[in-house]
Amino acid sequence: MNNPGTDPENPLPDERRDDLIATGATGGAHSSDVVPTPEIRISSIQAGGEFDPIPQLATPANGPSWGENFQTPWGWLDLILLLVVAIGSTLLASVVCSWAFFARGVTASQLQNPGMERSLWILFTQIGVFACLLSYLWFSLAISRRRPFWQTAGWRPLETGQAPKSVVYSAYVLGGGLLSFLVSVISNTYSSQRELPIQEMFQDRRSALLFVTLAVFLAPVIEETIFRGYIYPVVARTFGVGVGVLLTGTLFGLLHAQQLWGGWVQIAMLVMVGIFFTYARAMSRSVVASYLLHLGYNSFMAVGFLLSPLGYRALPLGH
């Protein structure tokens, strides 16, 4: 005869079954009485330095999409400090480079008028600014916050799925080259009748080669780290991905407008290029994508210059 306090299909004493129900170890009709503890997911940084891709439970309506975690350890105050550092580093690099050129016998008049000395002075000043900005970002992330620099700044390997990485990476570079070809066609069609400031960099062979080297090997790394790695996540977190792409890309293009002043079509094209770079970064969730596009774009422009000494007049370098 069955014990009245025992389930025929699960002949356990009531006390034992109560203990199992309390611990959630038994199923059946009684399991519905057990309320599981909700899992709380928070953003974290993995040991490798990458942000946890698991989305948070509460995401603002205008927040990021495509599953990227924009909870970066920096915010708008850091972007303001970056602007201050950019202005200060420009002044500092200008003064230091001027002193260095004066020490080599270059006059102030030579630095003010178009020529080889002024072109080299501009390029070395730009290198100094890049060095200061990269040093600030390194201190802000790696030293002050003790985070792995490149991973925290968005330099994550691309997700290629079943496709070989070499094929995907090469496709991005070729895509940047194709983009530069389209820009060059439009620029040639609507070329400016006046000389653009960027043409000053091609007054002589030495300054031209230094400019091309800077545009291909240094500018894509520094600019992608700043714009798509440091600025874009804060803007996208605040206004959403779409606005973040537009604002960051437009800022990228307008900050290069001084090189193309007077060539309004070229400036507009460079703004569109900046938006395209940022869109690729948003879709791939990695700065590597926009860097490869940037590298292909500038490399194609450099090859065009080397093959045609007059080609630079209608080709705006994304530097």
C-alpha atoms as a PDB file:
ATOM      1  CA  MET A   1       0.000   0.000   0.000  1.00  0.00           C
ATOM      2  CA  ASN A   2       1.336   3.418  -1.000  1.00  0.00           C
ATOM      3  CA  ASN A   3       2.174   6.029   1.559  1.00  0.00           C
ATOM      4  CA  PRO A   4      -0.297   8.954   1.172  1.00  0.00           C
ATOM      5  CA  GLY A   5       2.577  11.405   1.233  1.00  0.00           C
ATOM      6  CA  THR A   6       4.328   9.589  -1.607  1.00  0.00           C
ATOM      7  CA  ASP A   7       3.933  10.115  -5.356  1.00  0.00           C
ATOM      8  CA  PRO A   8       3.334   6.669  -6.992  1.00  0.00           C
ATOM      9  CA  GLU A   9       5.533   7.588  -9.913  1.00  0.00           C
ATOM     10  CA  ASN A  10       8.192   9.079  -7.666  1.00  0.00           C
ATOM     11  CA  PRO A  11       7.970   7.283  -4.308  1.00  0.00           C
ATOM     12  CA  LEU A  12       9.937   9.683  -2.163  1.00  0.00           C
ATOM     13  CA  PRO A  13       8.971  10.936   1.269  1.00  0.00           C
ATOM     14  CA  ASP A  14       7.340  14.342   1.420  1.00  0.00           C
ATOM     15  CA  GLU A  15      10.284  15.837   3.240  1.00  0.00           C
ATOM     16  CA  ARG A  16      12.708  14.638   0.577  1.00  0.00           C
ATOM     17  CA  ARG A  17      10.484  15.897  -2.228  1.00  0.00           C
ATOM     18  CA  ASP A  18      10.124  19.282  -0.530  1.00  0.00           C
ATOM     19  CA  ASP A  19      13.869  19.568  -0.276  1.00  0.00           C
ATOM     20  CA  LEU A  20      14.268  18.709  -3.946  1.00  0.00           C
ATOM     21  CA  ILE A  21      11.599  21.199  -4.944  1.00  0.00           C
ATOM     22  CA  ALA A  22      13.272  23.907  -2.899  1.00  0.00           C
ATOM     23  CA  THR A  23      16.557  23.252  -4.637  1.00  0.00           C
ATOM     24  CA  GLY A  24      14.917  23.017  -8.080  1.00  0.00           C
ATOM     25  CA  ALA A  25      16.043  19.433  -8.569  1.00  0.00           C
ATOM     26  CA  THR A  26      12.654  17.926  -9.364  1.00  0.00           C
ATOM     27  CA  GLY A  27      10.406  18.476 -12.340  1.00  0.00           C
ATOM     28  CA  GLY A  28       6.753  17.796 -13.045  1.00  0.00           C
ATOM     29  CA  ALA A  29       3.913  19.983 -11.893  1.00  0.00           C
ATOM     30  CA  HIS A  30       5.827  21.243  -8.888  1.00  0.00           C
ATOM     31  CA  SER A  31       8.620  22.764 -11.031  1.00  0.00           C
ATOM     32  CA  SER A  32       6.295  25.569 -12.066  1.00  0.00           C
ATOM     33  CA  ASP A  33       6.298  26.808  -8.469  1.00  0.00           C
ATOM     34  CA  VAL A  34      10.026  27.427  -8.581  1.00  0.00           C
ATOM     35  CA  VAL A  35      10.999  30.895  -9.817  1.00  0.00           C
ATOM     36  CA  PRO A  36      14.500  30.776 -11.278  1.00  0.00           C
ATOM     37  CA  THR A  37      16.911  33.565 -10.479  1.00  0.00           C
ATOM     38  CA  PRO A  38      17.255  35.774 -13.560  1.00  0.00           C
ATOM     39  CA  GLU A  39      20.656  35.863 -15.149  1.00  0.00           C
ATOM     40  CA  ILE A  40      22.229  39.298 -15.046  1.00  0.00           C
ATOM     41  CA  ARG A  41      24.592  40.029 -17.906  1.00  0.00           C
ATOM     42  CA  ILE A  42      26.973  42.890 -17.624  1.00  0.00           C
ATOM     43  CA  SER A  43      29.562  44.199 -20.025  1.00  0.00           C
ATOM     44  CA  SER A  44      33.037  43.038 -19.312  1.00  0.00           C
ATOM     45  CA  ILE A  45      36.420  42.804 -20.893  1.00  0.00           C
ATOM     46  CA  GLN A  46      37.819  39.394 -21.557  1.00  0.00           C
ATOM     47  CA  ALA A  47      41.319  38.377 -20.614  1.00  0.00           C
ATOM     48  CA  GLY A  48      42.446  39.011 -24.179  1.00  0.00           C
ATOM     49  CA  GLY A  49      41.359  42.614 -23.952  1.00  0.00           C
ATOM     50  CA  GLU A  50      38.315  42.448 -26.277  1.00  0.00           C
ATOM     51  CA  PHE A  51      34.937  43.643 -25.135  1.00  0.00           C
ATOM     52  CA  ASP A  52      32.398  40.910 -24.370  1.00  0.00           C
ATOM     53  CA  PRO A  53      30.174  40.641 -27.459  1.00  0.00           C
ATOM     54  CA  ILE A  54      27.181  39.443 -25.395  1.00  0.00           C
ATOM     55  CA  PRO A  55      24.531  42.199 -25.564  1.00  0.00           C
ATOM     56  CA  GLN A  56      23.165  43.758 -22.402  1.00  0.00           C
ATOM     57  CA  LEU A  57      19.576  43.145 -21.320  1.00  0.00           C
ATOM     58  CA  ALA A  58      18.604  46.812 -21.471  1.00  0.00           C
ATOM     59  CA  THR A  59      19.585  48.647 -24.664  1.00  0.00           C
ATOM     60  CA  PRO A  60      18.343  52.170 -25.440  1.00  0.00           C
ATOM     61  CA  ALA A  61      15.981  52.489 -28.385  1.00  0.00           C
ATOM     62  CA  ASN A  62      18.534  54.553 -30.263  1.00  0.00           C
ATOM     63  CA  GLY A  63      21.437  52.489 -29.043  1.00  0.00           C
ATOM     64  CA  PRO A  64      23.885  50.360 -31.010  1.00  0.00           C
ATOM     65  CA  SER A  65      22.804  47.561 -33.278  1.00  0.00           C
ATOM     66  CA  TRP A  66      24.588  44.581 -34.853  1.00  0.00           C
ATOM     67  CA  GLY A  67      25.450  43.266 -31.385  1.00  0.00           C
ATOM     68  CA  GLU A  68      28.459  45.472 -30.691  1.00  0.00           C
ATOM     69  CA  ASN A  69      29.208  46.528 -27.140  1.00  0.00           C
ATOM     70  CA  PHE A  70      29.926  50.270 -27.051  1.00  0.00           C
ATOM     71  CA  GLN A  71      30.551  50.436 -23.305  1.00  0.00           C
ATOM     72  CA  THR A  72      34.053  51.790 -23.817  1.00  0.00           C
ATOM     73  CA  PRO A  73      36.066  52.962 -20.799  1.00  0.00           C
ATOM     74  CA  TRP A  74      36.173  56.512 -22.211  1.00  0.00           C
ATOM     75  CA  GLY A  75      33.521  59.107 -22.977  1.00  0.00           C
ATOM     76  CA  TRP A  76      32.863  62.658 -24.134  1.00  0.00           C
ATOM     77  CA  LEU A  77      35.215  64.210 -21.605  1.00  0.00           C
ATOM     78  CA  ASP A  78      38.011  62.109 -23.060  1.00  0.00           C
ATOM     79  CA  LEU A  79      37.115  63.297 -26.565  1.00  0.00           C
ATOM     80  CA  ILE A  80      37.325  66.892 -25.374  1.00  0.00           C
ATOM     81  CA  LEU A  81      40.735  66.163 -23.885  1.00  0.00           C
ATOM     82  CA  LEU A  82      41.743  64.593 -27.209  1.00  0.00           C
ATOM     83  CA  LEU A  83      40.775  67.825 -28.979  1.00  0.00           C
ATOM     84  CA  VAL A  84      42.847  69.839 -26.512  1.00  0.00           C
ATOM     85  CA  VAL A  85      45.804  67.500 -27.048  1.00  0.00           C
ATOM     86  CA  ALA A  86      45.397  67.805 -30.848  1.00  0.00           C
ATOM     87  CA  ILE A  87      45.516  71.603 -30.685  1.00  0.00           C
ATOM     88  CA  GLY A  88      48.410  71.627 -28.247  1.00  0.00           C
ATOM     89  CA  SER A  89      50.402  69.039 -30.173  1.00  0.00           C
ATOM     90  CA  THR A  90      49.937  71.024 -33.407  1.00  0.00           C
ATOM     91  CA  LEU A  91      51.381  74.134 -31.774  1.00  0.00           C
ATOM     92  CA  LEU A  92      54.196  72.177 -30.122  1.00  0.00           C
ATOM     93  CA  ALA A  93      55.146  70.282 -33.296  1.00  0.00           C
ATOM     94  CA  SER A  94      55.094  73.506 -35.315  1.00  0.00           C
ATOM     95  CA  VAL A  95      57.448  75.252 -32.887  1.00  0.00           C
ATOM     96  CA  VAL A  96      59.829  72.297 -32.575  1.00  0.00           C
ATOM     97  CA  CYS A  97      60.005  71.751 -36.341  1.00  0.00           C
ATOM     98  CA  SER A  98      60.529  75.474 -36.926  1.00  0.00           C
ATOM     99  CA  TRP A  99      63.457  75.524 -34.512  1.00  0.00           C
ATOM    100  CA  ALA A 100      64.922  72.455 -36.185  1.00  0.00           C
ATOM    101  CA  PHE A 101      64.657  74.031 -39.646  1.00  0.00           C
ATOM    102  CA  PHE A 102      66.065  77.344 -38.427  1.00  0.00           C
ATOM    103  CA  ALA A 103      69.017  75.446 -36.962  1.00  0.00           C
ATOM    104  CA  ARG A 104      69.710  74.057 -40.450  1.00  0.00           C
ATOM    105  CA  GLY A 105      69.781  77.516 -41.992  1.00  0.00           C
ATOM    106  CA  VAL A 106      66.215  77.675 -43.319  1.00  0.00           C
ATOM    107  CA  THR A 107      64.701  81.158 -43.068  1.00  0.00           C
ATOM    108  CA  ALA A 108      61.223  82.121 -41.890  1.00  0.00           C
ATOM    109  CA  SER A 109      60.435  83.348 -45.407  1.00  0.00           C
ATOM    110  CA  GLN A 110      61.177  79.901 -46.847  1.00  0.00           C
ATOM    111  CA  LEU A 111      58.750  78.290 -44.367  1.00  0.00           C
ATOM    112  CA  GLN A 112      56.013  80.747 -45.302  1.00  0.00           C
ATOM    113  CA  ASN A 113      56.250  80.524 -49.090  1.00  0.00           C
ATOM    114  CA  PRO A 114      55.596  77.441 -51.266  1.00  0.00           C
ATOM    115  CA  GLY A 115      58.670  75.352 -51.839  1.00  0.00           C
ATOM    116  CA  MET A 116      60.561  72.279 -50.736  1.00  0.00           C
ATOM    117  CA  GLU A 117      61.394  73.655 -47.272  1.00  0.00           C
ATOM    118  CA  ARG A 118      57.782  74.509 -46.486  1.00  0.00           C
ATOM    119  CA  SER A 119      56.535  71.155 -47.801  1.00  0.00           C
ATOM    120  CA  LEU A 120      58.994  69.238 -45.637  1.00  0.00           C
ATOM    121  CA  TRP A 121      58.141  71.431 -42.644  1.00  0.00           C
ATOM    122  CA  ILE A 122      54.430  70.639 -43.052  1.00  0.00           C
ATOM    123  CA  LEU A 123      55.081  66.904 -43.334  1.00  0.00           C
ATOM    124  CA  PHE A 124      57.413  66.700 -40.332  1.00  0.00           C
ATOM    125  CA  THR A 125      54.944  68.764 -38.307  1.00  0.00           C
ATOM    126  CA  GLN A 126      52.205  66.279 -39.229  1.00  0.00           C
ATOM    127  CA  ILE A 127      54.383  63.392 -38.117  1.00  0.00           C
ATOM    128  CA  GLY A 128      54.934  65.158 -34.791  1.00  0.00           C
ATOM    129  CA  VAL A 129      51.194  65.646 -34.316  1.00  0.00           C
ATOM    130  CA  PHE A 130      50.550  61.975 -35.087  1.00  0.00           C
ATOM    131  CA  ALA A 131      53.185  60.964 -32.531  1.00  0.00           C
ATOM    132  CA  CYS A 132      51.650  63.160 -29.830  1.00  0.00           C
ATOM    133  CA  LEU A 133      48.104  61.913 -30.462  1.00  0.00           C
ATOM    134  CA  LEU A 134      49.120  58.263 -30.484  1.00  0.00           C
ATOM    135  CA  SER A 135      51.114  58.785 -27.283  1.00  0.00           C
ATOM    136  CA  TYR A 136      48.082  60.354 -25.601  1.00  0.00           C
ATOM    137  CA  LEU A 137      45.816  57.470 -26.613  1.00  0.00           C
ATOM    138  CA  TRP A 138      48.406  54.963 -25.449  1.00  0.00           C
ATOM    139  CA  PHE A 139      48.670  56.681 -22.067  1.00  0.00           C
ATOM    140  CA  SER A 140      44.878  56.943 -21.760  1.00  0.00           C
ATOM    141  CA  LEU A 141      44.205  53.265 -22.479  1.00  0.00           C
ATOM    142  CA  ALA A 142      47.320  51.218 -21.764  1.00  0.00           C
ATOM    143  CA  ILE A 143      48.852  53.186 -18.892  1.00  0.00           C
ATOM    144  CA  SER A 144      45.997  54.978 -17.123  1.00  0.00           C
ATOM    145  CA  ARG A 145      43.286  52.331 -17.584  1.00  0.00           C
ATOM    146  CA  ARG A 146      45.615  49.324 -17.888  1.00  0.00           C
ATOM    147  CA  ARG A 147      43.852  47.946 -20.962  1.00  0.00           C
ATOM    148  CA  PRO A 148      45.419  46.195 -23.973  1.00  0.00           C
ATOM    149  CA  PHE A 149      45.774  49.145 -26.334  1.00  0.00           C
ATOM    150  CA  TRP A 150      45.020  47.800 -29.801  1.00  0.00           C
ATOM    151  CA  GLN A 151      42.187  45.471 -28.789  1.00  0.00           C
ATOM    152  CA  THR A 152      40.537  48.137 -26.645  1.00  0.00           C
ATOM    153  CA  ALA A 153      40.797  50.650 -29.497  1.00  0.00           C
ATOM    154  CA  GLY A 154      38.790  48.315 -31.734  1.00  0.00           C
ATOM    155  CA  TRP A 155      41.548  46.488 -33.611  1.00  0.00           C
ATOM    156  CA  ARG A 156      39.866  43.070 -33.517  1.00  0.00           C
ATOM    157  CA  PRO A 157      40.371  40.310 -36.113  1.00  0.00           C
ATOM    158  CA  LEU A 158      37.705  40.301 -38.802  1.00  0.00           C
ATOM    159  CA  GLU A 159      35.028  37.619 -38.679  1.00  0.00           C
ATOM    160  CA  THR A 160      35.459  35.876 -42.028  1.00  0.00           C
ATOM    161  CA  GLY A 161      33.190  32.868 -41.542  1.00  0.00           C
ATOM    162  CA  GLN A 162      34.085  30.026 -43.903  1.00  0.00           C
ATOM    163  CA  ALA A 163      36.083  32.271 -46.250  1.00  0.00           C
ATOM    164  CA  PRO A 164      39.885  32.309 -45.911  1.00  0.00           C
ATOM    165  CA  LYS A 165      41.174  35.346 -44.041  1.00  0.00           C
ATOM    166  CA  SER A 166      43.623  36.183 -46.804  1.00  0.00           C
ATOM    167  CA  VAL A 167      40.771  36.415 -49.324  1.00  0.00           C
ATOM    168  CA  VAL A 168      38.606  38.615 -47.107  1.00  0.00           C
ATOM    169  CA  TYR A 169      41.453  40.923 -46.114  1.00  0.00           C
ATOM    170  CA  SER A 170      42.567  41.275 -49.719  1.00  0.00           C
ATOM    171  CA  ALA A 171      38.995  42.044 -50.773  1.00  0.00           C
ATOM    172  CA  TYR A 172      38.901  44.989 -48.365  1.00  0.00           C
ATOM    173  CA  VAL A 173      42.163  46.375 -49.736  1.00  0.00           C
ATOM    174  CA  LEU A 174      40.943  45.974 -53.320  1.00  0.00           C
ATOM    175  CA  GLY A 175      37.647  47.568 -52.321  1.00  0.00           C
ATOM    176  CA  GLY A 176      39.545  50.612 -51.100  1.00  0.00           C
ATOM    177  CA  GLY A 177      41.369  50.745 -54.417  1.00  0.00           C
ATOM    178  CA  LEU A 178      38.093  50.559 -56.331  1.00  0.00           C
ATOM    179  CA  LEU A 179      36.678  53.352 -54.193  1.00  0.00           C
ATOM    180  CA  SER A 180      39.688  55.542 -54.957  1.00  0.00           C
ATOM    181  CA  PHE A 181      39.217  54.856 -58.672  1.00  0.00           C
ATOM    182  CA  LEU A 182      35.601  56.016 -58.524  1.00  0.00           C
ATOM    183  CA  VAL A 183      36.620  59.130 -56.586  1.00  0.00           C
ATOM    184  CA  SER A 184      39.337  59.891 -59.124  1.00  0.00           C
ATOM    185  CA  VAL A 185      36.860  59.643 -62.018  1.00  0.00           C
ATOM    186  CA  ILE A 186      34.463  62.061 -60.325  1.00  0.00           C
ATOM    187  CA  SER A 187      37.311  64.385 -59.346  1.00  0.00           C
ATOM    188  CA  ASN A 188      38.614  64.447 -62.914  1.00  0.00           C
ATOM    189  CA  THR A 189      35.132  65.226 -64.201  1.00  0.00           C
ATOM    190  CA  TYR A 190      34.666  68.109 -61.762  1.00  0.00           C
ATOM    191  CA  SER A 191      38.273  69.173 -61.294  1.00  0.00           C
ATOM    192  CA  SER A 192      39.035  72.482 -59.627  1.00  0.00           C
ATOM    193  CA  GLN A 193      40.345  75.308 -61.801  1.00  0.00           C
ATOM    194  CA  ARG A 194      42.521  76.619 -58.995  1.00  0.00           C
ATOM    195  CA  GLU A 195      45.584  75.035 -57.429  1.00  0.00           C
ATOM    196  CA  LEU A 196      44.776  73.052 -54.301  1.00  0.00           C
ATOM    197  CA  PRO A 197      46.901  73.289 -51.128  1.00  0.00           C
ATOM    198  CA  ILE A 198      47.732  69.581 -51.336  1.00  0.00           C
ATOM    199  CA  GLN A 199      49.595  70.188 -54.586  1.00  0.00           C
ATOM    200  CA  GLU A 200      52.200  72.066 -52.582  1.00  0.00           C
ATOM    201  CA  MET A 201      53.424  68.674 -51.326  1.00  0.00           C
ATOM    202  CA  PHE A 202      54.557  67.811 -54.864  1.00  0.00           C
ATOM    203  CA  GLN A 203      56.916  70.718 -55.511  1.00  0.00           C
ATOM    204  CA  ASP A 204      59.915  68.378 -55.489  1.00  0.00           C
ATOM    205  CA  ARG A 205      60.667  64.678 -55.526  1.00  0.00           C
ATOM    206  CA  ARG A 206      61.779  64.395 -51.893  1.00  0.00           C
ATOM    207  CA  SER A 207      58.718  65.998 -50.328  1.00  0.00           C
ATOM    208  CA  ALA A 208      56.425  64.101 -52.719  1.00  0.00           C
ATOM    209  CA  LEU A 209      57.884  60.717 -51.788  1.00  0.00           C
ATOM    210  CA  LEU A 210      57.736  61.598 -48.084  1.00  0.00           C
ATOM    211  CA  PHE A 211      54.089  62.589 -48.469  1.00  0.00           C
ATOM    212  CA  VAL A 212      53.225  59.344 -50.250  1.00  0.00           C
ATOM    213  CA  THR A 213      55.065  57.294 -47.624  1.00  0.00           C
ATOM    214  CA  LEU A 214      53.242  59.095 -44.830  1.00  0.00           C
ATOM    215  CA  ALA A 215      49.871  58.689 -46.542  1.00  0.00           C
ATOM    216  CA  VAL A 216      50.288  54.939 -47.110  1.00  0.00           C
ATOM    217  CA  PHE A 217      52.155  53.622 -44.077  1.00  0.00           C
ATOM    218  CA  LEU A 218      51.380  55.992 -41.206  1.00  0.00           C
ATOM    219  CA  ALA A 219      48.171  57.942 -41.787  1.00  0.00           C
ATOM    220  CA  PRO A 220      45.781  54.937 -42.092  1.00  0.00           C
ATOM    221  CA  VAL A 221      46.947  53.449 -38.775  1.00  0.00           C
ATOM    222  CA  ILE A 222      46.806  56.692 -36.784  1.00  0.00           C
ATOM    223  CA  GLU A 223      43.634  58.077 -38.322  1.00  0.00           C
ATOM    224  CA  GLU A 224      41.666  54.842 -38.060  1.00  0.00           C
ATOM    225  CA  THR A 225      42.680  54.454 -34.415  1.00  0.00           C
ATOM    226  CA  ILE A 226      41.518  58.011 -33.666  1.00  0.00           C
ATOM    227  CA  PHE A 227      38.350  58.286 -35.756  1.00  0.00           C
ATOM    228  CA  ARG A 228      36.982  54.753 -36.005  1.00  0.00           C
ATOM    229  CA  GLY A 229      38.588  53.334 -32.850  1.00  0.00           C
ATOM    230  CA  TYR A 230      38.305  56.178 -30.329  1.00  0.00           C
ATOM    231  CA  ILE A 231      35.710  58.707 -31.528  1.00  0.00           C
ATOM    232  CA  TYR A 232      33.136  56.505 -33.266  1.00  0.00           C
ATOM    233  CA  PRO A 233      32.192  54.248 -30.281  1.00  0.00           C
ATOM    234  CA  VAL A 234      31.345  57.263 -28.096  1.00  0.00           C
ATOM    235  CA  VAL A 235      29.237  58.929 -30.806  1.00  0.00           C
ATOM    236  CA  ALA A 236      27.440  55.669 -31.688  1.00  0.00           C
ATOM    237  CA  ARG A 237      26.746  54.906 -28.030  1.00  0.00           C
ATOM    238  CA  THR A 238      25.164  58.346 -27.579  1.00  0.00           C
ATOM    239  CA  PHE A 239      23.221  58.855 -30.814  1.00  0.00           C
ATOM    240  CA  GLY A 240      22.995  55.391 -32.373  1.00  0.00           C
ATOM    241  CA  VAL A 241      24.976  53.641 -35.063  1.00  0.00           C
ATOM    242  CA  GLY A 242      23.502  55.472 -38.039  1.00  0.00           C
ATOM    243  CA  VAL A 243      24.188  58.942 -36.671  1.00  0.00           C
ATOM    244  CA  GLY A 244      27.561  57.759 -35.398  1.00  0.00           C
ATOM    245  CA  VAL A 245      28.562  56.657 -38.895  1.00  0.00           C
ATOM    246  CA  LEU A 246      27.468  59.942 -40.467  1.00  0.00           C
ATOM    247  CA  LEU A 247      29.009  62.225 -37.845  1.00  0.00           C
ATOM    248  CA  THR A 248      32.318  60.390 -37.601  1.00  0.00           C
ATOM    249  CA  GLY A 249      32.702  60.091 -41.366  1.00  0.00           C
ATOM    250  CA  THR A 250      31.812  63.746 -41.909  1.00  0.00           C
ATOM    251  CA  LEU A 251      34.289  64.837 -39.239  1.00  0.00           C
ATOM    252  CA  PHE A 252      36.973  62.750 -40.926  1.00  0.00           C
ATOM    253  CA  GLY A 253      36.345  64.408 -44.286  1.00  0.00           C
ATOM    254  CA  LEU A 254      36.088  67.964 -42.985  1.00  0.00           C
ATOM    255  CA  LEU A 255      39.323  67.721 -41.016  1.00  0.00           C
ATOM    256  CA  HIS A 256      41.057  67.026 -44.345  1.00  0.00           C
ATOM    257  CA  ALA A 257      39.344  69.961 -46.074  1.00  0.00           C
ATOM    258  CA  GLN A 258      42.327  72.251 -45.544  1.00  0.00           C
ATOM    259  CA  GLN A 259      44.372  70.124 -47.955  1.00  0.00           C
ATOM    260  CA  LEU A 260      41.702  70.490 -50.650  1.00  0.00           C
ATOM    261  CA  TRP A 261      40.413  73.994 -49.930  1.00  0.00           C
ATOM    262  CA  GLY A 262      38.823  75.379 -53.069  1.00  0.00           C
ATOM    263  CA  GLY A 263      38.093  71.911 -54.479  1.00  0.00           C
ATOM    264  CA  TRP A 264      34.590  71.567 -53.107  1.00  0.00           C
ATOM    265  CA  VAL A 265      33.758  68.437 -55.065  1.00  0.00           C
ATOM    266  CA  GLN A 266      36.950  66.807 -53.783  1.00  0.00           C
ATOM    267  CA  ILE A 267      36.041  67.751 -50.201  1.00  0.00           C
ATOM    268  CA  ALA A 268      32.546  66.311 -50.639  1.00  0.00           C
ATOM    269  CA  MET A 269      34.042  63.115 -52.050  1.00  0.00           C
ATOM    270  CA  LEU A 270      36.375  62.787 -49.069  1.00  0.00           C
ATOM    271  CA  VAL A 271      33.426  63.201 -46.689  1.00  0.00           C
ATOM    272  CA  MET A 272      31.669  60.344 -48.489  1.00  0.00           C
ATOM    273  CA  VAL A 273      34.833  58.265 -48.259  1.00  0.00           C
ATOM    274  CA  GLY A 274      34.969  58.896 -44.499  1.00  0.00           C
ATOM    275  CA  ILE A 275      31.337  57.810 -44.123  1.00  0.00           C
ATOM    276  CA  PHE A 276      32.010  54.654 -46.134  1.00  0.00           C
ATOM    277  CA  PHE A 277      35.049  53.797 -43.983  1.00  0.00           C
ATOM    278  CA  THR A 278      32.999  54.266 -40.807  1.00  0.00           C
ATOM    279  CA  TYR A 279      30.130  52.187 -42.191  1.00  0.00           C
ATOM    280  CA  ALA A 280      32.536  49.326 -42.868  1.00  0.00           C
ATOM    281  CA  ARG A 281      33.855  49.611 -39.319  1.00  0.00           C
ATOM    282  CA  ALA A 282      30.285  49.528 -37.941  1.00  0.00           C
ATOM    283  CA  MET A 283      29.221  46.517 -39.995  1.00  0.00           C
ATOM    284  CA  SER A 284      32.360  44.503 -39.226  1.00  0.00           C
ATOM    285  CA  ARG A 285      32.658  45.718 -35.600  1.00  0.00           C
ATOM    286  CA  SER A 286      36.395  46.101 -36.182  1.00  0.00           C
ATOM    287  CA  VAL A 287      38.758  48.942 -37.049  1.00  0.00           C
ATOM    288  CA  VAL A 288      40.679  46.455 -39.200  1.00  0.00           C
ATOM    289  CA  ALA A 289      37.996  46.715 -41.914  1.00  0.00           C
ATOM    290  CA  SER A 290      38.193  50.501 -42.242  1.00  0.00           C
ATOM    291  CA  TYR A 291      41.991  50.366 -42.005  1.00  0.00           C
ATOM    292  CA  LEU A 292      42.252  47.954 -44.941  1.00  0.00           C
ATOM    293  CA  LEU A 293      39.905  50.121 -47.008  1.00  0.00           C
ATOM    294  CA  HIS A 294      41.919  53.207 -46.057  1.00  0.00           C
ATOM    295  CA  LEU A 295      45.157  51.440 -46.925  1.00  0.00           C
ATOM    296  CA  GLY A 296      43.850  50.357 -50.323  1.00  0.00           C
ATOM    297  CA  TYR A 297      42.448  53.828 -51.041  1.00  0.00           C
ATOM    298  CA  ASN A 298      45.682  55.688 -50.260  1.00  0.00           C
ATOM    299  CA  SER A 299      47.872  53.052 -51.895  1.00  0.00           C
ATOM    300  CA  PHE A 300      45.957  53.319 -55.159  1.00  0.00           C
ATOM    301  CA  MET A 301      46.305  57.098 -55.036  1.00  0.00           C
ATOM    302  CA  ALA A 302      50.039  56.737 -54.434  1.00  0.00           C
ATOM    303  CA  VAL A 303      50.437  54.353 -57.365  1.00  0.00           C
ATOM    304  CA  GLY A 304      48.482  56.776 -59.542  1.00  0.00           C
ATOM    305  CA  PHE A 305      50.848  59.549 -58.586  1.00  0.00           C
ATOM    306  CA  LEU A 306      53.961  57.491 -59.216  1.00  0.00           C
ATOM    307  CA  LEU A 307      52.705  56.415 -62.634  1.00  0.00           C
ATOM    308  CA  SER A 308      51.469  59.860 -63.628  1.00  0.00           C
ATOM    309  CA  PRO A 309      53.303  62.874 -62.178  1.00  0.00           C
ATOM    310  CA  LEU A 310      50.333  65.106 -62.997  1.00  0.00           C
ATOM    311  CA  GLY A 311      47.697  62.732 -61.697  1.00  0.00           C
ATOM    312  CA  TYR A 312      47.719  64.174 -58.189  1.00  0.00           C
ATOM    313  CA  ARG A 313      45.931  67.318 -59.402  1.00  0.00           C
ATOM    314  CA  ALA A 314      42.588  65.505 -59.417  1.00  0.00           C
ATOM    315  CA  LEU A 315      43.217  62.738 -56.861  1.00  0.00           C
ATOM    316  CA  PRO A 316      42.487  63.708 -53.224  1.00  0.00           C
ATOM    317  CA  LEU A 317      44.576  61.532 -50.944  1.00  0.00           C
ATOM    318  CA  GLY A 318      42.709  60.353 -47.858  1.00  0.00           C
ATOM    319  CA  HIS A 319      45.560  61.507 -45.607  1.00  0.00           C
END
